[in-house]
Amino acid sequence: MSILDDLARARKSAGMTQAELAAAGGLSRMTVQRIEAGDIDPRLSTLLEMARALALEPMLVPGELRAEVEAFLRSSGRMLGQPPGAGAPPSVIDDLLQGRSP
């Protein structure tokens, strides 16, 4: 999976058309279409504009840590490696939902 796949998936998830993403990111619809199709190799600045138009903030993560970071995010911020039901502290998300500062 690539950042291009992630951005296309995020656009579809947000219910945006390529034209809407292009307008929000200051790009042409044809540019967004060609990027998603893999026809062009976009500049990093273009990818950042697309991501920000989707309310995303890209973050560089070492490849060997990607699976762990994704698992952490899916777990709503619980401690990495902490088995469920083992008296793990509440996650940051639990604290925020209950109005407590982490």
PDB file of N, CA and C in Angstrom:
ATOM      1  N   MET A   1       0.829  -1.175   0.000  1.00  0.00           N
ATOM      2  CA  MET A   1       0.000   0.000   0.000  1.00  0.00           C
ATOM      3  C   MET A   1       0.879   1.246   0.000  1.00  0.00           C
ATOM      4  N   SER A   2       0.408   2.266  -0.698  1.00  0.00           N
ATOM      5  CA  SER A   2       1.201   3.485  -0.790  1.00  0.00           C
ATOM      6  C   SER A   2       0.393   4.671  -0.284  1.00  0.00           C
ATOM      7  N   ILE A   3       1.081   5.784  -0.144  1.00  0.00           N
ATOM      8  CA  ILE A   3       0.402   7.007   0.283  1.00  0.00           C
ATOM      9  C   ILE A   3      -0.659   7.411  -0.744  1.00  0.00           C
ATOM     10  N   LEU A   4      -0.421   7.096  -2.012  1.00  0.00           N
ATOM     11  CA  LEU A   4      -1.410   7.409  -3.041  1.00  0.00           C
ATOM     12  C   LEU A   4      -2.682   6.604  -2.820  1.00  0.00           C
ATOM     13  N   ASP A   5      -2.530   5.324  -2.485  1.00  0.00           N
ATOM     14  CA  ASP A   5      -3.690   4.482  -2.175  1.00  0.00           C
ATOM     15  C   ASP A   5      -4.410   5.012  -0.937  1.00  0.00           C
ATOM     16  N   ASP A   6      -3.635   5.406   0.066  1.00  0.00           N
ATOM     17  CA  ASP A   6      -4.220   5.934   1.311  1.00  0.00           C
ATOM     18  C   ASP A   6      -5.022   7.200   1.046  1.00  0.00           C
ATOM     19  N   LEU A   7      -4.489   8.089   0.224  1.00  0.00           N
ATOM     20  CA  LEU A   7      -5.188   9.339  -0.073  1.00  0.00           C
ATOM     21  C   LEU A   7      -6.463   9.081  -0.873  1.00  0.00           C
ATOM     22  N   ALA A   8      -6.397   8.177  -1.841  1.00  0.00           N
ATOM     23  CA  ALA A   8      -7.596   7.849  -2.626  1.00  0.00           C
ATOM     24  C   ALA A   8      -8.665   7.239  -1.726  1.00  0.00           C
ATOM     25  N   ARG A   9      -8.256   6.345  -0.842  1.00  0.00           N
ATOM     26  CA  ARG A   9      -9.193   5.716   0.097  1.00  0.00           C
ATOM     27  C   ARG A   9      -9.799   6.763   1.041  1.00  0.00           C
ATOM     28  N   ALA A  10      -8.977   7.691   1.513  1.00  0.00           N
ATOM     29  CA  ALA A  10      -9.466   8.743   2.410  1.00  0.00           C
ATOM     30  C   ALA A  10     -10.449   9.658   1.686  1.00  0.00           C
ATOM     31  N   ARG A  11     -10.173   9.967   0.427  1.00  0.00           N
ATOM     32  CA  ARG A  11     -11.079  10.806  -0.359  1.00  0.00           C
ATOM     33  C   ARG A  11     -12.437  10.133  -0.513  1.00  0.00           C
ATOM     34  N   LYS A  12     -12.408   8.855  -0.862  1.00  0.00           N
ATOM     35  CA  LYS A  12     -13.659   8.114  -1.040  1.00  0.00           C
ATOM     36  C   LYS A  12     -14.408   7.987   0.278  1.00  0.00           C
ATOM     37  N   SER A  13     -13.657   7.745   1.346  1.00  0.00           N
ATOM     38  CA  SER A  13     -14.263   7.637   2.684  1.00  0.00           C
ATOM     39  C   SER A  13     -14.940   8.937   3.094  1.00  0.00           C
ATOM     40  N   ALA A  14     -14.359  10.050   2.700  1.00  0.00           N
ATOM     41  CA  ALA A  14     -14.916  11.360   3.029  1.00  0.00           C
ATOM     42  C   ALA A  14     -16.077  11.720   2.116  1.00  0.00           C
ATOM     43  N   GLY A  15     -16.336  10.885   1.112  1.00  0.00           N
ATOM     44  CA  GLY A  15     -17.424  11.157   0.189  1.00  0.00           C
ATOM     45  C   GLY A  15     -17.129  12.289  -0.775  1.00  0.00           C
ATOM     46  N   MET A  16     -15.840  12.528  -1.014  1.00  0.00           N
ATOM     47  CA  MET A  16     -15.439  13.610  -1.919  1.00  0.00           C
ATOM     48  C   MET A  16     -15.180  13.066  -3.313  1.00  0.00           C
ATOM     49  N   THR A  17     -15.523  13.885  -4.300  1.00  0.00           N
ATOM     50  CA  THR A  17     -15.147  13.549  -5.669  1.00  0.00           C
ATOM     51  C   THR A  17     -13.719  14.039  -5.907  1.00  0.00           C
ATOM     52  N   GLN A  18     -13.143  13.590  -7.003  1.00  0.00           N
ATOM     53  CA  GLN A  18     -11.813  14.088  -7.352  1.00  0.00           C
ATOM     54  C   GLN A  18     -11.855  15.591  -7.581  1.00  0.00           C
ATOM     55  N   ALA A  19     -12.930  16.079  -8.166  1.00  0.00           N
ATOM     56  CA  ALA A  19     -13.059  17.520  -8.420  1.00  0.00           C
ATOM     57  C   ALA A  19     -13.135  18.301  -7.110  1.00  0.00           C
ATOM     58  N   GLU A  20     -13.854  17.772  -6.133  1.00  0.00           N
ATOM     59  CA  GLU A  20     -13.961  18.451  -4.834  1.00  0.00           C
ATOM     60  C   GLU A  20     -12.612  18.477  -4.120  1.00  0.00           C
ATOM     61  N   LEU A  21     -11.897  17.362  -4.166  1.00  0.00           N
ATOM     62  CA  LEU A  21     -10.568  17.324  -3.550  1.00  0.00           C
ATOM     63  C   LEU A  21      -9.637  18.297  -4.265  1.00  0.00           C
ATOM     64  N   ALA A  22      -9.706  18.319  -5.576  1.00  0.00           N
ATOM     65  CA  ALA A  22      -8.856  19.228  -6.348  1.00  0.00           C
ATOM     66  C   ALA A  22      -9.118  20.673  -5.953  1.00  0.00           C
ATOM     67  N   ALA A  23     -10.382  21.041  -5.872  1.00  0.00           N
ATOM     68  CA  ALA A  23     -10.729  22.423  -5.510  1.00  0.00           C
ATOM     69  C   ALA A  23     -10.250  22.754  -4.107  1.00  0.00           C
ATOM     70  N   ALA A  24     -10.439  21.826  -3.169  1.00  0.00           N
ATOM     71  CA  ALA A  24     -10.023  22.070  -1.782  1.00  0.00           C
ATOM     72  C   ALA A  24      -8.506  22.143  -1.650  1.00  0.00           C
ATOM     73  N   GLY A  25      -7.792  21.440  -2.511  1.00  0.00           N
ATOM     74  CA  GLY A  25      -6.336  21.420  -2.435  1.00  0.00           C
ATOM     75  C   GLY A  25      -5.645  22.377  -3.390  1.00  0.00           C
ATOM     76  N   GLY A  26      -6.424  23.141  -4.155  1.00  0.00           N
ATOM     77  CA  GLY A  26      -5.823  24.080  -5.103  1.00  0.00           C
ATOM     78  C   GLY A  26      -5.172  23.389  -6.286  1.00  0.00           C
ATOM     79  N   LEU A  27      -5.750  22.261  -6.703  1.00  0.00           N
ATOM     80  CA  LEU A  27      -5.207  21.482  -7.816  1.00  0.00           C
ATOM     81  C   LEU A  27      -6.262  21.365  -8.905  1.00  0.00           C
ATOM     82  N   SER A  28      -5.870  20.830 -10.042  1.00  0.00           N
ATOM     83  CA  SER A  28      -6.868  20.552 -11.076  1.00  0.00           C
ATOM     84  C   SER A  28      -7.417  19.143 -10.851  1.00  0.00           C
ATOM     85  N   ARG A  29      -8.639  18.913 -11.311  1.00  0.00           N
ATOM     86  CA  ARG A  29      -9.219  17.583 -11.190  1.00  0.00           C
ATOM     87  C   ARG A  29      -8.376  16.569 -11.958  1.00  0.00           C
ATOM     88  N   MET A  30      -7.850  16.994 -13.101  1.00  0.00           N
ATOM     89  CA  MET A  30      -7.022  16.096 -13.918  1.00  0.00           C
ATOM     90  C   MET A  30      -5.764  15.679 -13.155  1.00  0.00           C
ATOM     91  N   THR A  31      -5.183  16.602 -12.385  1.00  0.00           N
ATOM     92  CA  THR A  31      -3.999  16.259 -11.587  1.00  0.00           C
ATOM     93  C   THR A  31      -4.342  15.207 -10.553  1.00  0.00           C
ATOM     94  N   VAL A  32      -5.451  15.387  -9.835  1.00  0.00           N
ATOM     95  CA  VAL A  32      -5.864  14.403  -8.826  1.00  0.00           C
ATOM     96  C   VAL A  32      -6.126  13.056  -9.493  1.00  0.00           C
ATOM     97  N   GLN A  33      -6.817  13.080 -10.633  1.00  0.00           N
ATOM     98  CA  GLN A  33      -7.115  11.831 -11.349  1.00  0.00           C
ATOM     99  C   GLN A  33      -5.832  11.127 -11.768  1.00  0.00           C
ATOM    100  N   ARG A  34      -4.883  11.862 -12.298  1.00  0.00           N
ATOM    101  CA  ARG A  34      -3.627  11.257 -12.766  1.00  0.00           C
ATOM    102  C   ARG A  34      -2.784  10.744 -11.603  1.00  0.00           C
ATOM    103  N   ILE A  35      -2.823  11.448 -10.461  1.00  0.00           N
ATOM    104  CA  ILE A  35      -2.097  10.983  -9.275  1.00  0.00           C
ATOM    105  C   ILE A  35      -2.706   9.677  -8.787  1.00  0.00           C
ATOM    106  N   GLU A  36      -4.040   9.646  -8.649  1.00  0.00           N
ATOM    107  CA  GLU A  36      -4.704   8.433  -8.155  1.00  0.00           C
ATOM    108  C   GLU A  36      -4.523   7.258  -9.110  1.00  0.00           C
ATOM    109  N   ALA A  37      -4.438   7.530 -10.408  1.00  0.00           N
ATOM    110  CA  ALA A  37      -4.249   6.463 -11.393  1.00  0.00           C
ATOM    111  C   ALA A  37      -2.795   5.992 -11.458  1.00  0.00           C
ATOM    112  N   GLY A  38      -1.898   6.740 -10.811  1.00  0.00           N
ATOM    113  CA  GLY A  38      -0.484   6.379 -10.848  1.00  0.00           C
ATOM    114  C   GLY A  38       0.210   6.809 -12.123  1.00  0.00           C
ATOM    115  N   ASP A  39      -0.419   7.713 -12.855  1.00  0.00           N
ATOM    116  CA  ASP A  39       0.155   8.171 -14.122  1.00  0.00           C
ATOM    117  C   ASP A  39       1.267   9.189 -13.943  1.00  0.00           C
ATOM    118  N   ILE A  40       1.274   9.878 -12.808  1.00  0.00           N
ATOM    119  CA  ILE A  40       2.336  10.851 -12.545  1.00  0.00           C
ATOM    120  C   ILE A  40       2.889  10.621 -11.144  1.00  0.00           C
ATOM    121  N   ASP A  41       4.099  11.053 -10.952  1.00  0.00           N
ATOM    122  CA  ASP A  41       4.761  10.974  -9.660  1.00  0.00           C
ATOM    123  C   ASP A  41       4.689  12.360  -9.029  1.00  0.00           C
ATOM    124  N   PRO A  42       3.748  12.575  -8.104  1.00  0.00           N
ATOM    125  CA  PRO A  42       3.527  13.931  -7.592  1.00  0.00           C
ATOM    126  C   PRO A  42       4.645  14.407  -6.669  1.00  0.00           C
ATOM    127  N   ARG A  43       4.756  15.709  -6.563  1.00  0.00           N
ATOM    128  CA  ARG A  43       5.674  16.321  -5.605  1.00  0.00           C
ATOM    129  C   ARG A  43       5.127  16.095  -4.196  1.00  0.00           C
ATOM    130  N   LEU A  44       6.012  16.110  -3.235  1.00  0.00           N
ATOM    131  CA  LEU A  44       5.597  15.978  -1.838  1.00  0.00           C
ATOM    132  C   LEU A  44       4.636  17.099  -1.458  1.00  0.00           C
ATOM    133  N   SER A  45       4.897  18.299  -1.935  1.00  0.00           N
ATOM    134  CA  SER A  45       4.017  19.429  -1.600  1.00  0.00           C
ATOM    135  C   SER A  45       2.595  19.196  -2.113  1.00  0.00           C
ATOM    136  N   THR A  46       2.449  18.544  -3.243  1.00  0.00           N
ATOM    137  CA  THR A  46       1.122  18.231  -3.782  1.00  0.00           C
ATOM    138  C   THR A  46       0.417  17.210  -2.903  1.00  0.00           C
ATOM    139  N   LEU A  47       1.149  16.190  -2.473  1.00  0.00           N
ATOM    140  CA  LEU A  47       0.573  15.180  -1.584  1.00  0.00           C
ATOM    141  C   LEU A  47       0.142  15.805  -0.262  1.00  0.00           C
ATOM    142  N   LEU A  48       0.949  16.733   0.247  1.00  0.00           N
ATOM    143  CA  LEU A  48       0.596  17.410   1.497  1.00  0.00           C
ATOM    144  C   LEU A  48      -0.675  18.239   1.332  1.00  0.00           C
ATOM    145  N   GLU A  49      -0.814  18.924   0.206  1.00  0.00           N
ATOM    146  CA  GLU A  49      -2.031  19.710  -0.046  1.00  0.00           C
ATOM    147  C   GLU A  49      -3.248  18.805  -0.129  1.00  0.00           C
ATOM    148  N   MET A  50      -3.108  17.674  -0.798  1.00  0.00           N
ATOM    149  CA  MET A  50      -4.224  16.727  -0.886  1.00  0.00           C
ATOM    150  C   MET A  50      -4.596  16.206   0.497  1.00  0.00           C
ATOM    151  N   ALA A  51      -3.592  15.834   1.273  1.00  0.00           N
ATOM    152  CA  ALA A  51      -3.844  15.300   2.613  1.00  0.00           C
ATOM    153  C   ALA A  51      -4.528  16.333   3.493  1.00  0.00           C
ATOM    154  N   ARG A  52      -4.029  17.537   3.473  1.00  0.00           N
ATOM    155  CA  ARG A  52      -4.611  18.592   4.319  1.00  0.00           C
ATOM    156  C   ARG A  52      -6.032  18.938   3.887  1.00  0.00           C
ATOM    157  N   ALA A  53      -6.314  18.848   2.591  1.00  0.00           N
ATOM    158  CA  ALA A  53      -7.676  19.083   2.111  1.00  0.00           C
ATOM    159  C   ALA A  53      -8.620  17.992   2.622  1.00  0.00           C
ATOM    160  N   LEU A  54      -8.054  16.850   2.985  1.00  0.00           N
ATOM    161  CA  LEU A  54      -8.837  15.734   3.543  1.00  0.00           C
ATOM    162  C   LEU A  54      -8.789  15.734   5.073  1.00  0.00           C
ATOM    163  N   ALA A  55      -8.272  16.823   5.652  1.00  0.00           N
ATOM    164  CA  ALA A  55      -8.136  16.956   7.115  1.00  0.00           C
ATOM    165  C   ALA A  55      -7.207  15.898   7.690  1.00  0.00           C
ATOM    166  N   LEU A  56      -6.154  15.571   6.931  1.00  0.00           N
ATOM    167  CA  LEU A  56      -5.138  14.622   7.376  1.00  0.00           C
ATOM    168  C   LEU A  56      -3.815  15.355   7.541  1.00  0.00           C
ATOM    169  N   GLU A  57      -3.021  14.899   8.463  1.00  0.00           N
ATOM    170  CA  GLU A  57      -1.682  15.454   8.638  1.00  0.00           C
ATOM    171  C   GLU A  57      -0.699  14.296   8.502  1.00  0.00           C
ATOM    172  N   PRO A  58       0.004  14.220   7.377  1.00  0.00           N
ATOM    173  CA  PRO A  58       0.945  13.114   7.165  1.00  0.00           C
ATOM    174  C   PRO A  58       2.044  13.094   8.222  1.00  0.00           C
ATOM    175  N   MET A  59       2.481  11.889   8.543  1.00  0.00           N
ATOM    176  CA  MET A  59       3.517  11.700   9.547  1.00  0.00           C
ATOM    177  C   MET A  59       4.489  10.647   9.022  1.00  0.00           C
ATOM    178  N   LEU A  60       5.768  10.933   9.087  1.00  0.00           N
ATOM    179  CA  LEU A  60       6.771   9.966   8.656  1.00  0.00           C
ATOM    180  C   LEU A  60       7.000   8.950   9.775  1.00  0.00           C
ATOM    181  N   VAL A  61       6.896   7.689   9.415  1.00  0.00           N
ATOM    182  CA  VAL A  61       7.081   6.600  10.370  1.00  0.00           C
ATOM    183  C   VAL A  61       8.069   5.622   9.743  1.00  0.00           C
ATOM    184  N   PRO A  62       9.093   5.208  10.487  1.00  0.00           N
ATOM    185  CA  PRO A  62      10.001   4.208   9.926  1.00  0.00           C
ATOM    186  C   PRO A  62       9.224   2.963   9.504  1.00  0.00           C
ATOM    187  N   GLY A  63       9.566   2.420   8.354  1.00  0.00           N
ATOM    188  CA  GLY A  63       8.859   1.265   7.813  1.00  0.00           C
ATOM    189  C   GLY A  63       8.726   0.110   8.781  1.00  0.00           C
ATOM    190  N   GLU A  64       9.778  -0.135   9.552  1.00  0.00           N
ATOM    191  CA  GLU A  64       9.732  -1.282  10.467  1.00  0.00           C
ATOM    192  C   GLU A  64       8.784  -1.045  11.643  1.00  0.00           C
ATOM    193  N   LEU A  65       8.349   0.184  11.848  1.00  0.00           N
ATOM    194  CA  LEU A  65       7.416   0.480  12.943  1.00  0.00           C
ATOM    195  C   LEU A  65       5.977   0.683  12.472  1.00  0.00           C
ATOM    196  N   ARG A  66       5.759   0.652  11.165  1.00  0.00           N
ATOM    197  CA  ARG A  66       4.419   0.959  10.640  1.00  0.00           C
ATOM    198  C   ARG A  66       3.343   0.051  11.231  1.00  0.00           C
ATOM    199  N   ALA A  67       3.568  -1.248  11.271  1.00  0.00           N
ATOM    200  CA  ALA A  67       2.555  -2.173  11.793  1.00  0.00           C
ATOM    201  C   ALA A  67       2.230  -1.861  13.254  1.00  0.00           C
ATOM    202  N   GLU A  68       3.257  -1.569  14.048  1.00  0.00           N
ATOM    203  CA  GLU A  68       3.028  -1.265  15.455  1.00  0.00           C
ATOM    204  C   GLU A  68       2.275   0.055  15.633  1.00  0.00           C
ATOM    205  N   VAL A  69       2.624   1.061  14.834  1.00  0.00           N
ATOM    206  CA  VAL A  69       1.944   2.353  14.930  1.00  0.00           C
ATOM    207  C   VAL A  69       0.479   2.199  14.508  1.00  0.00           C
ATOM    208  N   GLU A  70       0.231   1.459  13.442  1.00  0.00           N
ATOM    209  CA  GLU A  70      -1.147   1.232  13.007  1.00  0.00           C
ATOM    210  C   GLU A  70      -1.943   0.481  14.072  1.00  0.00           C
ATOM    211  N   ALA A  71      -1.328  -0.522  14.696  1.00  0.00           N
ATOM    212  CA  ALA A  71      -2.008  -1.269  15.758  1.00  0.00           C
ATOM    213  C   ALA A  71      -2.318  -0.356  16.945  1.00  0.00           C
ATOM    214  N   PHE A  72      -1.389   0.522  17.278  1.00  0.00           N
ATOM    215  CA  PHE A  72      -1.595   1.470  18.372  1.00  0.00           C
ATOM    216  C   PHE A  72      -2.769   2.392  18.078  1.00  0.00           C
ATOM    217  N   LEU A  73      -2.821   2.898  16.854  1.00  0.00           N
ATOM    218  CA  LEU A  73      -3.918   3.796  16.483  1.00  0.00           C
ATOM    219  C   LEU A  73      -5.259   3.063  16.478  1.00  0.00           C
ATOM    220  N   ARG A  74      -5.257   1.820  15.996  1.00  0.00           N
ATOM    221  CA  ARG A  74      -6.496   1.034  16.001  1.00  0.00           C
ATOM    222  C   ARG A  74      -6.956   0.712  17.412  1.00  0.00           C
ATOM    223  N   SER A  75      -6.029   0.655  18.361  1.00  0.00           N
ATOM    224  CA  SER A  75      -6.381   0.308  19.740  1.00  0.00           C
ATOM    225  C   SER A  75      -6.847   1.525  20.535  1.00  0.00           C
ATOM    226  N   SER A  76      -7.028   2.641  19.879  1.00  0.00           N
ATOM    227  CA  SER A  76      -7.462   3.896  20.514  1.00  0.00           C
ATOM    228  C   SER A  76      -6.454   4.417  21.521  1.00  0.00           C
ATOM    229  N   GLY A  77      -5.185   4.200  21.274  1.00  0.00           N
ATOM    230  CA  GLY A  77      -4.149   4.788  22.109  1.00  0.00           C
ATOM    231  C   GLY A  77      -3.782   3.980  23.339  1.00  0.00           C
ATOM    232  N   ARG A  78      -4.170   2.716  23.391  1.00  0.00           N
ATOM    233  CA  ARG A  78      -3.776   1.887  24.542  1.00  0.00           C
ATOM    234  C   ARG A  78      -2.287   1.578  24.448  1.00  0.00           C
ATOM    235  N   MET A  79      -1.720   1.183  25.543  1.00  0.00           N
ATOM    236  CA  MET A  79      -0.288   0.891  25.590  1.00  0.00           C
ATOM    237  C   MET A  79       0.060  -0.221  24.610  1.00  0.00           C
ATOM    238  N   LEU A  80       1.125  -0.049  23.866  1.00  0.00           N
ATOM    239  CA  LEU A  80       1.584  -1.094  22.960  1.00  0.00           C
ATOM    240  C   LEU A  80       2.018  -2.315  23.753  1.00  0.00           C
ATOM    241  N   GLY A  81       1.656  -3.469  23.280  1.00  0.00           N
ATOM    242  CA  GLY A  81       2.072  -4.707  23.924  1.00  0.00           C
ATOM    243  C   GLY A  81       1.286  -5.035  25.176  1.00  0.00           C
ATOM    244  N   GLN A  82       0.365  -4.211  25.585  1.00  0.00           N
ATOM    245  CA  GLN A  82      -0.433  -4.467  26.792  1.00  0.00           C
ATOM    246  C   GLN A  82      -1.598  -5.367  26.397  1.00  0.00           C
ATOM    247  N   PRO A  83      -1.634  -6.598  26.944  1.00  0.00           N
ATOM    248  CA  PRO A  83      -2.741  -7.470  26.569  1.00  0.00           C
ATOM    249  C   PRO A  83      -4.068  -6.941  27.104  1.00  0.00           C
ATOM    250  N   PRO A  84      -5.157  -7.163  26.371  1.00  0.00           N
ATOM    251  CA  PRO A  84      -6.450  -6.703  26.857  1.00  0.00           C
ATOM    252  C   PRO A  84      -6.810  -7.394  28.167  1.00  0.00           C
ATOM    253  N   GLY A  85      -7.462  -6.660  29.041  1.00  0.00           N
ATOM    254  CA  GLY A  85      -7.933  -7.237  30.299  1.00  0.00           C
ATOM    255  C   GLY A  85      -6.852  -7.450  31.337  1.00  0.00           C
ATOM    256  N   ALA A  86      -5.675  -6.912  31.112  1.00  0.00           N
ATOM    257  CA  ALA A  86      -4.577  -7.136  32.052  1.00  0.00           C
ATOM    258  C   ALA A  86      -4.381  -5.923  32.946  1.00  0.00           C
ATOM    259  N   GLY A  87      -5.453  -5.190  33.179  1.00  0.00           N
ATOM    260  CA  GLY A  87      -5.340  -4.022  34.037  1.00  0.00           C
ATOM    261  C   GLY A  87      -4.632  -2.860  33.369  1.00  0.00           C
ATOM    262  N   ALA A  88      -4.771  -2.792  32.056  1.00  0.00           N
ATOM    263  CA  ALA A  88      -4.132  -1.693  31.324  1.00  0.00           C
ATOM    264  C   ALA A  88      -4.749  -0.371  31.742  1.00  0.00           C
ATOM    265  N   PRO A  89      -3.945   0.674  31.804  1.00  0.00           N
ATOM    266  CA  PRO A  89      -4.505   1.985  32.138  1.00  0.00           C
ATOM    267  C   PRO A  89      -5.461   2.432  31.042  1.00  0.00           C
ATOM    268  N   PRO A  90      -6.376   3.336  31.371  1.00  0.00           N
ATOM    269  CA  PRO A  90      -7.267   3.837  30.321  1.00  0.00           C
ATOM    270  C   PRO A  90      -6.452   4.498  29.217  1.00  0.00           C
ATOM    271  N   SER A  91      -6.974   4.433  28.013  1.00  0.00           N
ATOM    272  CA  SER A  91      -6.273   5.056  26.896  1.00  0.00           C
ATOM    273  C   SER A  91      -6.466   6.566  26.943  1.00  0.00           C
ATOM    274  N   VAL A  92      -5.660   7.250  26.182  1.00  0.00           N
ATOM    275  CA  VAL A  92      -5.786   8.698  26.050  1.00  0.00           C
ATOM    276  C   VAL A  92      -7.183   9.025  25.528  1.00  0.00           C
ATOM    277  N   ILE A  93      -7.675   8.211  24.616  1.00  0.00           N
ATOM    278  CA  ILE A  93      -9.007   8.426  24.051  1.00  0.00           C
ATOM    279  C   ILE A  93     -10.071   8.298  25.136  1.00  0.00           C
ATOM    280  N   ASP A  94      -9.954   7.289  26.013  1.00  0.00           N
ATOM    281  CA  ASP A  94     -10.909   7.139  27.127  1.00  0.00           C
ATOM    282  C   ASP A  94     -10.921   8.387  27.980  1.00  0.00           C
ATOM    283  N   ASP A  95      -9.745   8.905  28.292  1.00  0.00           N
ATOM    284  CA  ASP A  95      -9.647  10.121  29.111  1.00  0.00           C
ATOM    285  C   ASP A  95     -10.333  11.294  28.430  1.00  0.00           C
ATOM    286  N   LEU A  96     -10.085  11.466  27.140  1.00  0.00           N
ATOM    287  CA  LEU A  96     -10.675  12.585  26.422  1.00  0.00           C
ATOM    288  C   LEU A  96     -12.192  12.465  26.344  1.00  0.00           C
ATOM    289  N   LEU A  97     -12.690  11.256  26.129  1.00  0.00           N
ATOM    290  CA  LEU A  97     -14.125  11.050  26.056  1.00  0.00           C
ATOM    291  C   LEU A  97     -14.800  11.324  27.390  1.00  0.00           C
ATOM    292  N   GLN A  98     -14.077  11.116  28.487  1.00  0.00           N
ATOM    293  CA  GLN A  98     -14.649  11.346  29.812  1.00  0.00           C
ATOM    294  C   GLN A  98     -14.342  12.743  30.326  1.00  0.00           C
ATOM    295  N   GLY A  99     -13.755  13.591  29.490  1.00  0.00           N
ATOM    296  CA  GLY A  99     -13.514  14.975  29.856  1.00  0.00           C
ATOM    297  C   GLY A  99     -12.301  15.198  30.751  1.00  0.00           C
ATOM    298  N   ARG A 100     -11.438  14.182  30.870  1.00  0.00           N
ATOM    299  CA  ARG A 100     -10.223  14.349  31.671  1.00  0.00           C
ATOM    300  C   ARG A 100      -9.072  14.659  30.738  1.00  0.00           C
ATOM    301  N   SER A 101      -8.126  15.447  31.215  1.00  0.00           N
ATOM    302  CA  SER A 101      -6.929  15.674  30.392  1.00  0.00           C
ATOM    303  C   SER A 101      -5.973  14.519  30.638  1.00  0.00           C
ATOM    304  N   PRO A 102      -5.328  14.048  29.556  1.00  0.00           N
ATOM    305  CA  PRO A 102      -4.407  12.904  29.680  1.00  0.00           C
ATOM    306  C   PRO A 102      -3.191  13.207  30.521  1.00  0.00           C
TER     307      PRO A 102
END
